All heavy atoms as atom14 arrays in JSON, in Angstrom:
{
  "sequence": "DHLIDSFYGEPGRKQQVSELEGKLLSDQITVTGAVKQLFDKQS",
  "atom14_mask": [
    [1, 1, 1, 1, 1, 1, 1, 1, 0, 0, 0, 0, 0, 0],
    [1, 1, 1, 1, 1, 1, 1, 1, 1, 1, 0, 0, 0, 0],
    [1, 1, 1, 1, 1, 1, 1, 1, 0, 0, 0, 0, 0, 0],
    [1, 1, 1, 1, 1, 1, 1, 1, 0, 0, 0, 0, 0, 0],
    [1, 1, 1, 1, 1, 1, 1, 1, 0, 0, 0, 0, 0, 0],
    [1, 1, 1, 1, 1, 1, 0, 0, 0, 0, 0, 0, 0, 0],
    [1, 1, 1, 1, 1, 1, 1, 1, 1, 1, 1, 0, 0, 0],
    [1, 1, 1, 1, 1, 1, 1, 1, 1, 1, 1, 1, 0, 0],
    [1, 1, 1, 1, 0, 0, 0, 0, 0, 0, 0, 0, 0, 0],
    [1, 1, 1, 1, 1, 1, 1, 1, 1, 0, 0, 0, 0, 0],
    [1, 1, 1, 1, 1, 1, 1, 0, 0, 0, 0, 0, 0, 0],
    [1, 1, 1, 1, 0, 0, 0, 0, 0, 0, 0, 0, 0, 0],
    [1, 1, 1, 1, 1, 1, 1, 1, 1, 1, 1, 0, 0, 0],
    [1, 1, 1, 1, 1, 1, 1, 1, 1, 0, 0, 0, 0, 0],
    [1, 1, 1, 1, 1, 1, 1, 1, 1, 0, 0, 0, 0, 0],
    [1, 1, 1, 1, 1, 1, 1, 1, 1, 0, 0, 0, 0, 0],
    [1, 1, 1, 1, 1, 1, 1, 0, 0, 0, 0, 0, 0, 0],
    [1, 1, 1, 1, 1, 1, 0, 0, 0, 0, 0, 0, 0, 0],
    [1, 1, 1, 1, 1, 1, 1, 1, 1, 0, 0, 0, 0, 0],
    [1, 1, 1, 1, 1, 1, 1, 1, 0, 0, 0, 0, 0, 0],
    [1, 1, 1, 1, 1, 1, 1, 1, 1, 0, 0, 0, 0, 0],
    [1, 1, 1, 1, 0, 0, 0, 0, 0, 0, 0, 0, 0, 0],
    [1, 1, 1, 1, 1, 1, 1, 1, 1, 0, 0, 0, 0, 0],
    [1, 1, 1, 1, 1, 1, 1, 1, 0, 0, 0, 0, 0, 0],
    [1, 1, 1, 1, 1, 1, 1, 1, 0, 0, 0, 0, 0, 0],
    [1, 1, 1, 1, 1, 1, 0, 0, 0, 0, 0, 0, 0, 0],
    [1, 1, 1, 1, 1, 1, 1, 1, 0, 0, 0, 0, 0, 0],
    [1, 1, 1, 1, 1, 1, 1, 1, 1, 0, 0, 0, 0, 0],
    [1, 1, 1, 1, 1, 1, 1, 1, 0, 0, 0, 0, 0, 0],
    [1, 1, 1, 1, 1, 1, 1, 0, 0, 0, 0, 0, 0, 0],
    [1, 1, 1, 1, 1, 1, 1, 0, 0, 0, 0, 0, 0, 0],
    [1, 1, 1, 1, 1, 1, 1, 0, 0, 0, 0, 0, 0, 0],
    [1, 1, 1, 1, 0, 0, 0, 0, 0, 0, 0, 0, 0, 0],
    [1, 1, 1, 1, 1, 0, 0, 0, 0, 0, 0, 0, 0, 0],
    [1, 1, 1, 1, 1, 1, 1, 0, 0, 0, 0, 0, 0, 0],
    [1, 1, 1, 1, 1, 1, 1, 1, 1, 0, 0, 0, 0, 0],
    [1, 1, 1, 1, 1, 1, 1, 1, 1, 0, 0, 0, 0, 0],
    [1, 1, 1, 1, 1, 1, 1, 1, 0, 0, 0, 0, 0, 0],
    [1, 1, 1, 1, 1, 1, 1, 1, 1, 1, 1, 0, 0, 0],
    [1, 1, 1, 1, 1, 1, 1, 1, 0, 0, 0, 0, 0, 0],
    [1, 1, 1, 1, 1, 1, 1, 1, 1, 0, 0, 0, 0, 0],
    [1, 1, 1, 1, 1, 1, 1, 1, 1, 0, 0, 0, 0, 0],
    [1, 1, 1, 1, 1, 1, 0, 0, 0, 0, 0, 0, 0, 0]
  ],
  "atom14_positions": [
    [[122.14, -47.0, -28.96], [121.83, -46.37, -27.68], [123.12, -46.09, -26.89], [123.27, -45.03, -26.28], [120.9, -47.26, -26.84], [119.5, -47.34, -27.42], [119.16, -46.46, -28.24], [118.77, -48.28, -27.08], [0.0, 0.0, 0.0], [0.0, 0.0, 0.0], [0.0, 0.0, 0.0], [0.0, 0.0, 0.0], [0.0, 0.0, 0.0], [0.0, 0.0, 0.0]],
    [[124.04, -47.04, -26.92], [125.29, -46.89, -26.18], [126.14, -45.77, -26.77], [126.78, -44.99, -26.03], [126.07, -48.2, -26.19], [127.34, -48.15, -25.39], [127.35, -48.12, -24.0], [128.64, -48.09, -25.77], [128.59, -48.05, -23.57], [129.41, -48.03, -24.62], [0.0, 0.0, 0.0], [0.0, 0.0, 0.0], [0.0, 0.0, 0.0], [0.0, 0.0, 0.0]],
    [[126.15, -45.66, -28.1], [126.92, -44.6, -28.74], [126.38, -43.21, -28.36], [127.16, -42.29, -28.09], [126.87, -44.77, -30.26], [127.71, -45.92, -30.85], [127.43, -46.07, -32.33], [129.19, -45.68, -30.6], [0.0, 0.0, 0.0], [0.0, 0.0, 0.0], [0.0, 0.0, 0.0], [0.0, 0.0, 0.0], [0.0, 0.0, 0.0], [0.0, 0.0, 0.0]],
    [[125.06, -43.09, -28.32], [124.45, -41.81, -27.94], [124.76, -41.47, -26.49], [125.14, -40.33, -26.16], [122.93, -41.86, -28.17], [122.63, -41.96, -29.67], [122.25, -40.62, -27.59], [121.18, -42.2, -30.0], [0.0, 0.0, 0.0], [0.0, 0.0, 0.0], [0.0, 0.0, 0.0], [0.0, 0.0, 0.0], [0.0, 0.0, 0.0], [0.0, 0.0, 0.0]],
    [[124.64, -42.48, -25.6], [124.93, -42.25, -24.19], [126.4, -41.88, -23.98], [126.73, -41.0, -23.18], [124.58, -43.5, -23.36], [123.08, -43.75, -23.31], [122.32, -42.8, -23.57], [122.68, -44.89, -23.01], [0.0, 0.0, 0.0], [0.0, 0.0, 0.0], [0.0, 0.0, 0.0], [0.0, 0.0, 0.0], [0.0, 0.0, 0.0], [0.0, 0.0, 0.0]],
    [[127.27, -42.56, -24.7], [128.71, -42.29, -24.57], [129.04, -40.89, -25.09], [129.88, -40.19, -24.52], [129.52, -43.34, -25.35], [129.3, -44.62, -24.83], [0.0, 0.0, 0.0], [0.0, 0.0, 0.0], [0.0, 0.0, 0.0], [0.0, 0.0, 0.0], [0.0, 0.0, 0.0], [0.0, 0.0, 0.0], [0.0, 0.0, 0.0], [0.0, 0.0, 0.0]],
    [[128.39, -40.5, -26.17], [128.64, -39.2, -26.77], [128.3, -38.08, -25.79], [129.11, -37.18, -25.53], [127.82, -39.05, -28.05], [127.93, -37.71, -28.7], [129.03, -37.38, -29.48], [126.93, -36.75, -28.55], [129.13, -36.13, -30.08], [127.02, -35.51, -29.14], [128.13, -35.2, -29.91], [0.0, 0.0, 0.0], [0.0, 0.0, 0.0], [0.0, 0.0, 0.0]],
    [[127.09, -38.13, -25.23], [126.67, -37.07, -24.31], [127.3, -37.22, -22.92], [127.27, -36.29, -22.12], [125.15, -37.06, -24.18], [124.46, -36.45, -25.39], [123.82, -37.26, -26.32], [124.46, -35.08, -25.6], [123.19, -36.71, -27.43], [123.84, -34.52, -26.7], [123.21, -35.34, -27.62], [122.6, -34.79, -28.72], [0.0, 0.0, 0.0], [0.0, 0.0, 0.0]],
    [[127.86, -38.41, -22.65], [128.46, -38.63, -21.34], [129.88, -38.11, -21.21], [130.43, -38.06, -20.11], [0.0, 0.0, 0.0], [0.0, 0.0, 0.0], [0.0, 0.0, 0.0], [0.0, 0.0, 0.0], [0.0, 0.0, 0.0], [0.0, 0.0, 0.0], [0.0, 0.0, 0.0], [0.0, 0.0, 0.0], [0.0, 0.0, 0.0], [0.0, 0.0, 0.0]],
    [[130.49, -37.69, -22.33], [131.85, -37.17, -22.27], [131.87, -35.81, -21.54], [130.96, -34.99, -21.72], [132.42, -37.01, -23.68], [132.72, -38.32, -24.37], [133.42, -38.12, -25.7], [133.87, -36.98, -25.96], [133.51, -39.09, -26.48], [0.0, 0.0, 0.0], [0.0, 0.0, 0.0], [0.0, 0.0, 0.0], [0.0, 0.0, 0.0], [0.0, 0.0, 0.0]],
    [[132.9, -35.55, -20.75], [132.99, -34.28, -20.01], [132.96, -33.07, -20.95], [133.68, -33.02, -21.94], [134.35, -34.38, -19.29], [134.62, -35.85, -19.22], [134.03, -36.45, -20.44], [0.0, 0.0, 0.0], [0.0, 0.0, 0.0], [0.0, 0.0, 0.0], [0.0, 0.0, 0.0], [0.0, 0.0, 0.0], [0.0, 0.0, 0.0], [0.0, 0.0, 0.0]],
    [[132.11, -32.13, -20.63], [132.02, -30.9, -21.41], [131.22, -31.01, -22.7], [131.07, -30.02, -23.42], [0.0, 0.0, 0.0], [0.0, 0.0, 0.0], [0.0, 0.0, 0.0], [0.0, 0.0, 0.0], [0.0, 0.0, 0.0], [0.0, 0.0, 0.0], [0.0, 0.0, 0.0], [0.0, 0.0, 0.0], [0.0, 0.0, 0.0], [0.0, 0.0, 0.0]],
    [[130.72, -32.21, -23.0], [130.02, -32.4, -24.27], [128.71, -31.62, -24.32], [128.41, -30.96, -25.32], [129.74, -33.89, -24.49], [128.97, -34.18, -25.78], [129.78, -33.82, -27.0], [130.84, -34.79, -27.22], [131.79, -34.64, -28.12], [131.85, -33.52, -28.84], [132.71, -35.57, -28.29], [0.0, 0.0, 0.0], [0.0, 0.0, 0.0], [0.0, 0.0, 0.0]],
    [[127.92, -31.67, -23.26], [126.63, -30.97, -23.27], [126.83, -29.46, -23.38], [126.05, -28.77, -24.04], [125.84, -31.32, -22.01], [125.36, -32.77, -21.97], [124.52, -33.06, -20.74], [124.03, -34.49, -20.75], [123.22, -34.82, -19.54], [0.0, 0.0, 0.0], [0.0, 0.0, 0.0], [0.0, 0.0, 0.0], [0.0, 0.0, 0.0], [0.0, 0.0, 0.0]],
    [[127.88, -28.94, -22.73], [128.16, -27.51, -22.82], [128.57, -27.13, -24.24], [128.15, -26.1, -24.77], [129.28, -27.13, -21.84], [129.61, -25.63, -21.84], [130.74, -25.29, -20.88], [131.2, -26.16, -20.13], [131.18, -24.05, -20.9], [0.0, 0.0, 0.0], [0.0, 0.0, 0.0], [0.0, 0.0, 0.0], [0.0, 0.0, 0.0], [0.0, 0.0, 0.0]],
    [[129.35, -28.0, -24.88], [129.77, -27.76, -26.25], [128.57, -27.74, -27.2], [128.47, -26.88, -28.08], [130.77, -28.83, -26.7], [131.36, -28.58, -28.09], [132.22, -29.73, -28.56], [132.16, -30.82, -28.01], [133.03, -29.47, -29.58], [0.0, 0.0, 0.0], [0.0, 0.0, 0.0], [0.0, 0.0, 0.0], [0.0, 0.0, 0.0], [0.0, 0.0, 0.0]],
    [[127.66, -28.67, -26.99], [126.45, -28.73, -27.81], [125.62, -27.47, -27.62], [125.1, -26.89, -28.58], [125.61, -29.99, -27.47], [124.25, -29.94, -28.15], [126.35, -31.25, -27.89], [0.0, 0.0, 0.0], [0.0, 0.0, 0.0], [0.0, 0.0, 0.0], [0.0, 0.0, 0.0], [0.0, 0.0, 0.0], [0.0, 0.0, 0.0], [0.0, 0.0, 0.0]],
    [[125.51, -27.03, -26.37], [124.73, -25.83, -26.07], [125.34, -24.59, -26.73], [124.62, -23.74, -27.27], [124.65, -25.64, -24.55], [123.92, -24.47, -24.23], [0.0, 0.0, 0.0], [0.0, 0.0, 0.0], [0.0, 0.0, 0.0], [0.0, 0.0, 0.0], [0.0, 0.0, 0.0], [0.0, 0.0, 0.0], [0.0, 0.0, 0.0], [0.0, 0.0, 0.0]],
    [[126.68, -24.49, -26.69], [127.34, -23.34, -27.31], [127.16, -23.32, -28.82], [126.9, -22.28, -29.43], [128.84, -23.36, -26.96], [129.12, -23.08, -25.49], [130.59, -23.27, -25.14], [131.35, -23.72, -26.04], [130.98, -23.0, -23.99], [0.0, 0.0, 0.0], [0.0, 0.0, 0.0], [0.0, 0.0, 0.0], [0.0, 0.0, 0.0], [0.0, 0.0, 0.0]],
    [[127.27, -24.51, -29.44], [127.08, -24.59, -30.89], [125.65, -24.31, -31.28], [125.38, -23.73, -32.33], [127.5, -25.98, -31.38], [129.02, -26.25, -31.39], [129.3, -27.71, -31.7], [129.7, -25.36, -32.43], [0.0, 0.0, 0.0], [0.0, 0.0, 0.0], [0.0, 0.0, 0.0], [0.0, 0.0, 0.0], [0.0, 0.0, 0.0], [0.0, 0.0, 0.0]],
    [[124.73, -24.69, -30.42], [123.31, -24.4, -30.67], [123.09, -22.89, -30.71], [122.34, -22.38, -31.55], [122.43, -25.04, -29.6], [120.94, -24.81, -29.82], [120.09, -25.38, -28.7], [120.63, -26.13, -27.86], [118.89, -25.07, -28.66], [0.0, 0.0, 0.0], [0.0, 0.0, 0.0], [0.0, 0.0, 0.0], [0.0, 0.0, 0.0], [0.0, 0.0, 0.0]],
    [[123.74, -22.17, -29.78], [123.63, -20.71, -29.77], [124.18, -20.09, -31.03], [123.6, -19.13, -31.58], [0.0, 0.0, 0.0], [0.0, 0.0, 0.0], [0.0, 0.0, 0.0], [0.0, 0.0, 0.0], [0.0, 0.0, 0.0], [0.0, 0.0, 0.0], [0.0, 0.0, 0.0], [0.0, 0.0, 0.0], [0.0, 0.0, 0.0], [0.0, 0.0, 0.0]],
    [[125.31, -20.63, -31.53], [125.89, -20.12, -32.78], [124.99, -20.4, -33.97], [124.89, -19.59, -34.9], [127.26, -20.74, -33.0], [128.33, -20.28, -32.01], [129.67, -20.92, -32.32], [130.75, -20.46, -31.34], [132.05, -21.08, -31.64], [0.0, 0.0, 0.0], [0.0, 0.0, 0.0], [0.0, 0.0, 0.0], [0.0, 0.0, 0.0], [0.0, 0.0, 0.0]],
    [[124.32, -21.56, -33.94], [123.4, -21.9, -35.02], [122.23, -20.93, -35.09], [121.85, -20.45, -36.16], [122.86, -23.33, -34.83], [123.75, -24.49, -35.26], [123.16, -25.81, -34.79], [123.92, -24.5, -36.77], [0.0, 0.0, 0.0], [0.0, 0.0, 0.0], [0.0, 0.0, 0.0], [0.0, 0.0, 0.0], [0.0, 0.0, 0.0], [0.0, 0.0, 0.0]],
    [[121.68, -20.64, -33.92], [120.5, -19.76, -33.86], [120.84, -18.32, -34.22], [119.96, -17.55, -34.61], [119.87, -19.84, -32.47], [119.33, -21.23, -32.06], [118.77, -21.19, -30.65], [118.25, -21.7, -33.05], [0.0, 0.0, 0.0], [0.0, 0.0, 0.0], [0.0, 0.0, 0.0], [0.0, 0.0, 0.0], [0.0, 0.0, 0.0], [0.0, 0.0, 0.0]],
    [[122.12, -17.95, -34.06], [122.54, -16.58, -34.42], [123.21, -16.54, -35.79], [123.87, -15.56, -36.13], [123.48, -16.03, -33.35], [124.62, -16.85, -33.21], [0.0, 0.0, 0.0], [0.0, 0.0, 0.0], [0.0, 0.0, 0.0], [0.0, 0.0, 0.0], [0.0, 0.0, 0.0], [0.0, 0.0, 0.0], [0.0, 0.0, 0.0], [0.0, 0.0, 0.0]],
    [[123.06, -17.63, -36.54], [123.59, -17.73, -37.91], [125.1, -17.53, -37.99], [125.62, -16.98, -38.96], [122.89, -16.72, -38.84], [121.4, -16.99, -38.98], [121.04, -18.19, -38.95], [120.62, -16.04, -39.11], [0.0, 0.0, 0.0], [0.0, 0.0, 0.0], [0.0, 0.0, 0.0], [0.0, 0.0, 0.0], [0.0, 0.0, 0.0], [0.0, 0.0, 0.0]],
    [[125.83, -17.94, -36.98], [127.29, -17.84, -36.99], [127.96, -19.08, -37.59], [129.15, -19.06, -37.88], [127.81, -17.63, -35.56], [127.34, -16.35, -34.91], [127.88, -16.21, -33.49], [129.01, -16.62, -33.22], [127.1, -15.63, -32.6], [0.0, 0.0, 0.0], [0.0, 0.0, 0.0], [0.0, 0.0, 0.0], [0.0, 0.0, 0.0], [0.0, 0.0, 0.0]],
    [[127.16, -20.16, -37.73], [127.71, -21.42, -38.22], [126.6, -22.23, -38.87], [125.42, -22.06, -38.55], [128.36, -22.21, -37.04], [129.22, -23.36, -37.58], [127.3, -22.71, -36.08], [130.0, -24.07, -36.48], [0.0, 0.0, 0.0], [0.0, 0.0, 0.0], [0.0, 0.0, 0.0], [0.0, 0.0, 0.0], [0.0, 0.0, 0.0], [0.0, 0.0, 0.0]],
    [[126.98, -23.1, -39.8], [125.99, -23.96, -40.43], [125.81, -25.24, -39.6], [126.65, -25.56, -38.75], [126.43, -24.36, -41.85], [127.64, -25.14, -41.76], [126.67, -23.12, -42.71], [0.0, 0.0, 0.0], [0.0, 0.0, 0.0], [0.0, 0.0, 0.0], [0.0, 0.0, 0.0], [0.0, 0.0, 0.0], [0.0, 0.0, 0.0], [0.0, 0.0, 0.0]],
    [[124.74, -25.96, -39.84], [124.49, -27.21, -39.12], [125.6, -28.21, -39.39], [126.11, -28.87, -38.48], [123.12, -27.8, -39.52], [122.92, -29.17, -38.89], [121.99, -26.87, -39.1], [0.0, 0.0, 0.0], [0.0, 0.0, 0.0], [0.0, 0.0, 0.0], [0.0, 0.0, 0.0], [0.0, 0.0, 0.0], [0.0, 0.0, 0.0], [0.0, 0.0, 0.0]],
    [[125.99, -28.32, -40.66], [127.07, -29.25, -41.02], [128.37, -28.88, -40.32], [129.1, -29.75, -39.8], [127.29, -29.25, -42.55], [126.06, -29.58, -43.2], [128.36, -30.26, -42.94], [0.0, 0.0, 0.0], [0.0, 0.0, 0.0], [0.0, 0.0, 0.0], [0.0, 0.0, 0.0], [0.0, 0.0, 0.0], [0.0, 0.0, 0.0], [0.0, 0.0, 0.0]],
    [[128.68, -27.57, -40.26], [129.89, -27.11, -39.58], [129.85, -27.39, -38.09], [130.87, -27.75, -37.49], [0.0, 0.0, 0.0], [0.0, 0.0, 0.0], [0.0, 0.0, 0.0], [0.0, 0.0, 0.0], [0.0, 0.0, 0.0], [0.0, 0.0, 0.0], [0.0, 0.0, 0.0], [0.0, 0.0, 0.0], [0.0, 0.0, 0.0], [0.0, 0.0, 0.0]],
    [[128.67, -27.24, -37.48], [128.52, -27.49, -36.05], [128.74, -28.96, -35.73], [129.44, -29.32, -34.77], [127.14, -27.04, -35.57], [0.0, 0.0, 0.0], [0.0, 0.0, 0.0], [0.0, 0.0, 0.0], [0.0, 0.0, 0.0], [0.0, 0.0, 0.0], [0.0, 0.0, 0.0], [0.0, 0.0, 0.0], [0.0, 0.0, 0.0], [0.0, 0.0, 0.0]],
    [[128.16, -29.83, -36.55], [128.32, -31.27, -36.34], [129.78, -31.67, -36.53], [130.32, -32.49, -35.79], [127.41, -32.06, -37.3], [127.69, -33.56, -37.2], [125.94, -31.79, -36.98], [0.0, 0.0, 0.0], [0.0, 0.0, 0.0], [0.0, 0.0, 0.0], [0.0, 0.0, 0.0], [0.0, 0.0, 0.0], [0.0, 0.0, 0.0], [0.0, 0.0, 0.0]],
    [[130.44, -31.07, -37.53], [131.85, -31.38, -37.78], [132.71, -31.01, -36.57], [133.63, -31.73, -36.2], [132.34, -30.64, -39.02], [133.76, -31.01, -39.47], [134.12, -30.29, -40.75], [135.51, -30.72, -41.22], [136.55, -30.44, -40.24], [0.0, 0.0, 0.0], [0.0, 0.0, 0.0], [0.0, 0.0, 0.0], [0.0, 0.0, 0.0], [0.0, 0.0, 0.0]],
    [[132.39, -29.87, -35.95], [133.14, -29.45, -34.76], [132.94, -30.43, -33.6], [133.86, -30.69, -32.83], [132.71, -28.05, -34.32], [133.33, -26.94, -35.15], [133.16, -25.57, -34.48], [133.11, -25.48, -33.26], [133.08, -24.53, -35.3], [0.0, 0.0, 0.0], [0.0, 0.0, 0.0], [0.0, 0.0, 0.0], [0.0, 0.0, 0.0], [0.0, 0.0, 0.0]],
    [[131.72, -30.98, -33.48], [131.44, -31.92, -32.4], [132.3, -33.17, -32.51], [132.71, -33.75, -31.5], [129.95, -32.31, -32.4], [128.96, -31.28, -31.84], [127.55, -31.74, -32.04], [129.23, -31.04, -30.36], [0.0, 0.0, 0.0], [0.0, 0.0, 0.0], [0.0, 0.0, 0.0], [0.0, 0.0, 0.0], [0.0, 0.0, 0.0], [0.0, 0.0, 0.0]],
    [[132.55, -33.6, -33.73], [133.3, -34.84, -33.94], [134.76, -34.61, -34.31], [135.49, -35.57, -34.55], [132.61, -35.68, -35.03], [131.29, -36.25, -34.59], [130.1, -35.58, -34.83], [131.25, -37.47, -33.9], [128.89, -36.11, -34.42], [130.03, -38.0, -33.48], [128.86, -37.32, -33.74], [0.0, 0.0, 0.0], [0.0, 0.0, 0.0], [0.0, 0.0, 0.0]],
    [[135.18, -33.36, -34.35], [136.56, -33.04, -34.64], [137.36, -33.09, -33.35], [137.16, -32.29, -32.44], [136.68, -31.66, -35.28], [138.09, -31.36, -35.77], [138.97, -32.21, -35.56], [138.29, -30.28, -36.36], [0.0, 0.0, 0.0], [0.0, 0.0, 0.0], [0.0, 0.0, 0.0], [0.0, 0.0, 0.0], [0.0, 0.0, 0.0], [0.0, 0.0, 0.0]],
    [[138.28, -34.03, -33.23], [139.04, -34.21, -31.99], [139.88, -33.0, -31.63], [140.1, -32.69, -30.47], [139.94, -35.44, -32.12], [139.18, -36.75, -32.24], [140.13, -37.93, -32.33], [139.35, -39.25, -32.45], [140.26, -40.42, -32.56], [0.0, 0.0, 0.0], [0.0, 0.0, 0.0], [0.0, 0.0, 0.0], [0.0, 0.0, 0.0], [0.0, 0.0, 0.0]],
    [[140.34, -32.26, -32.64], [141.19, -31.11, -32.36], [140.43, -29.96, -31.75], [141.02, -29.1, -31.12], [141.87, -30.66, -33.66], [142.83, -31.67, -34.26], [143.48, -31.17, -35.53], [143.14, -30.09, -36.02], [144.4, -31.96, -36.08], [0.0, 0.0, 0.0], [0.0, 0.0, 0.0], [0.0, 0.0, 0.0], [0.0, 0.0, 0.0], [0.0, 0.0, 0.0]],
    [[139.09, -29.95, -31.93], [138.3, -28.84, -31.38], [137.89, -29.06, -29.94], [137.29, -28.21, -29.33], [137.04, -28.64, -32.25], [136.19, -29.77, -32.16], [0.0, 0.0, 0.0], [0.0, 0.0, 0.0], [0.0, 0.0, 0.0], [0.0, 0.0, 0.0], [0.0, 0.0, 0.0], [0.0, 0.0, 0.0], [0.0, 0.0, 0.0], [0.0, 0.0, 0.0]]
  ]
}
């Protein structure tokens, strides 16, 4: 529970998730690629 709260509590995280969701729905990225971007510190 704490990991989930911490993940979504980071600044800009919800916006990043929303943007990746839009790319997923428009077939611009795969689910695996989207998740990798979420956890990639350089992105």
